[in-house]
C-alpha atoms as a PDB file:
ATOM      1  CA  MET A   1      83.719 -72.355  53.135  1.00  0.00           C
ATOM      2  CA  SER A   2      85.378 -75.756  53.317  1.00  0.00           C
ATOM      3  CA  LEU A   3      85.979 -78.446  50.707  1.00  0.00           C
ATOM      4  CA  GLN A   4      87.082 -81.973  51.453  1.00  0.00           C
ATOM      5  CA  VAL A   5      89.972 -83.200  49.286  1.00  0.00           C
ATOM      6  CA  PHE A   6      89.950 -86.893  48.344  1.00  0.00           C
ATOM      7  CA  TYR A   7      92.429 -89.210  46.642  1.00  0.00           C
ATOM      8  CA  ASN A   8      90.250 -91.924  45.154  1.00  0.00           C
ATOM      9  CA  THR A   9      88.015 -92.730  48.136  1.00  0.00           C
ATOM     10  CA  ARG A  10      90.431 -91.633  50.890  1.00  0.00           C
ATOM     11  CA  LEU A  11      90.023 -88.276  52.568  1.00  0.00           C
ATOM     12  CA  ALA A  12      93.355 -86.463  52.215  1.00  0.00           C
ATOM     13  CA  GLY A  13      92.336 -83.299  54.027  1.00  0.00           C
ATOM     14  CA  THR A  14      90.225 -80.167  54.059  1.00  0.00           C
ATOM     15  CA  LEU A  15      90.675 -76.913  52.185  1.00  0.00           C
ATOM     16  CA  HIS A  16      89.299 -73.858  53.985  1.00  0.00           C
ATOM     17  CA  GLN A  17      88.605 -70.417  52.516  1.00  0.00           C
ATOM     18  CA  TYR A  18      87.930 -67.597  54.937  1.00  0.00           C
ATOM     19  CA  GLU A  19      85.991 -64.341  54.523  1.00  0.00           C
ATOM     20  CA  ASN A  20      89.219 -62.436  53.865  1.00  0.00           C
ATOM     21  CA  SER A  21      89.934 -64.864  50.945  1.00  0.00           C
ATOM     22  CA  ARG A  22      92.804 -66.506  52.854  1.00  0.00           C
ATOM     23  CA  ILE A  23      92.994 -70.239  52.258  1.00  0.00           C
ATOM     24  CA  SER A  24      94.471 -73.056  54.289  1.00  0.00           C
ATOM     25  CA  PHE A  25      94.762 -76.808  53.865  1.00  0.00           C
ATOM     26  CA  GLU A  26      94.923 -79.349  56.652  1.00  0.00           C
ATOM     27  CA  TYR A  27      95.728 -83.026  56.069  1.00  0.00           C
ATOM     28  CA  SER A  28      93.356 -85.466  57.731  1.00  0.00           C
ATOM     29  CA  ARG A  29      94.923 -87.344  60.615  1.00  0.00           C
ATOM     30  CA  ASP A  30      94.205 -90.708  58.945  1.00  0.00           C
ATOM     31  CA  TRP A  31      95.925 -89.571  55.733  1.00  0.00           C
ATOM     32  CA  ALA A  32      98.987 -88.140  57.451  1.00  0.00           C
ATOM     33  CA  ASP A  33      99.437 -91.134  59.784  1.00  0.00           C
ATOM     34  CA  THR A  34      99.226 -93.841  57.093  1.00  0.00           C
ATOM     35  CA  ALA A  35     102.560 -95.322  55.982  1.00  0.00           C
ATOM     36  CA  ASP A  36     101.688 -95.148  52.260  1.00  0.00           C
ATOM     37  CA  SER A  37     100.406 -91.560  52.289  1.00  0.00           C
ATOM     38  CA  PHE A  38     102.110 -88.848  50.268  1.00  0.00           C
ATOM     39  CA  PRO A  39     101.896 -85.060  49.933  1.00  0.00           C
ATOM     40  CA  ILE A  40      99.186 -83.923  47.524  1.00  0.00           C
ATOM     41  CA  SER A  41     101.643 -81.327  46.207  1.00  0.00           C
ATOM     42  CA  ARG A  42     105.369 -80.733  46.598  1.00  0.00           C
ATOM     43  CA  SER A  43     104.474 -77.319  47.987  1.00  0.00           C
ATOM     44  CA  ILE A  44     102.329 -78.880  50.759  1.00  0.00           C
ATOM     45  CA  PRO A  45     104.496 -81.339  52.716  1.00  0.00           C
ATOM     46  CA  LEU A  46     102.938 -83.893  55.040  1.00  0.00           C
ATOM     47  CA  SER A  47     104.975 -82.469  57.905  1.00  0.00           C
ATOM     48  CA  GLY A  48     102.916 -79.297  58.077  1.00  0.00           C
ATOM     49  CA  ASN A  49      99.790 -77.526  56.987  1.00  0.00           C
ATOM     50  CA  TYR A  50      99.494 -75.223  54.004  1.00  0.00           C
ATOM     51  CA  GLU A  51      98.501 -71.628  54.537  1.00  0.00           C
ATOM     52  CA  ARG A  52      98.849 -68.895  51.955  1.00  0.00           C
ATOM     53  CA  GLY A  53      97.404 -65.564  50.995  1.00  0.00           C
ATOM     54  CA  THR A  54      94.932 -64.873  48.254  1.00  0.00           C
ATOM     55  CA  THR A  55      97.359 -64.863  45.328  1.00  0.00           C
ATOM     56  CA  ASP A  56      99.301 -68.077  45.885  1.00  0.00           C
ATOM     57  CA  HIS A  57      96.659 -70.782  45.617  1.00  0.00           C
ATOM     58  CA  ARG A  58      97.193 -71.938  42.024  1.00  0.00           C
ATOM     59  CA  PHE A  59      97.522 -75.611  42.994  1.00  0.00           C
ATOM     60  CA  PHE A  60      93.979 -75.716  44.352  1.00  0.00           C
ATOM     61  CA  ALA A  61      92.541 -73.318  41.767  1.00  0.00           C
ATOM     62  CA  ASN A  62      93.749 -75.640  39.020  1.00  0.00           C
ATOM     63  CA  LEU A  63      91.808 -78.560  40.543  1.00  0.00           C
ATOM     64  CA  LEU A  64      88.450 -76.782  40.624  1.00  0.00           C
ATOM     65  CA  PRO A  65      85.947 -77.037  37.765  1.00  0.00           C
ATOM     66  CA  GLU A  66      85.470 -74.160  35.334  1.00  0.00           C
ATOM     67  CA  ALA A  67      82.659 -71.654  34.714  1.00  0.00           C
ATOM     68  CA  ALA A  68      79.193 -72.372  36.153  1.00  0.00           C
ATOM     69  CA  ALA A  69      80.255 -75.471  38.079  1.00  0.00           C
ATOM     70  CA  ARG A  70      82.968 -73.440  39.805  1.00  0.00           C
ATOM     71  CA  GLU A  71      80.475 -70.694  40.699  1.00  0.00           C
ATOM     72  CA  THR A  72      78.219 -73.323  42.273  1.00  0.00           C
ATOM     73  CA  ILE A  73      80.860 -74.586  44.699  1.00  0.00           C
ATOM     74  CA  CYS A  74      82.715 -71.322  45.288  1.00  0.00           C
END
C-alpha cells in the first residue's frame, strides 16, 4: 500500500507499507530539490529516506484519521 503525503498542494513524498508491515517514506524529487523545502519531521531529514520497522512509525500513525476512516485507507 502507498499513500502520497502532501503539504498544502505540494507532493512531499510517498509513504509505503509492505506486506511484512515495514514502512518507508521517500521524498519526491521536486520536494527535495526545491530551495524552500523542509523535512516533514525532524526524524526524517531531507538528506535521506525514512525506513523503520513496525513499531517506530508514530509520526505517520498520528497523521492518519481515526476509527472507520482509518480502516478504509489502511
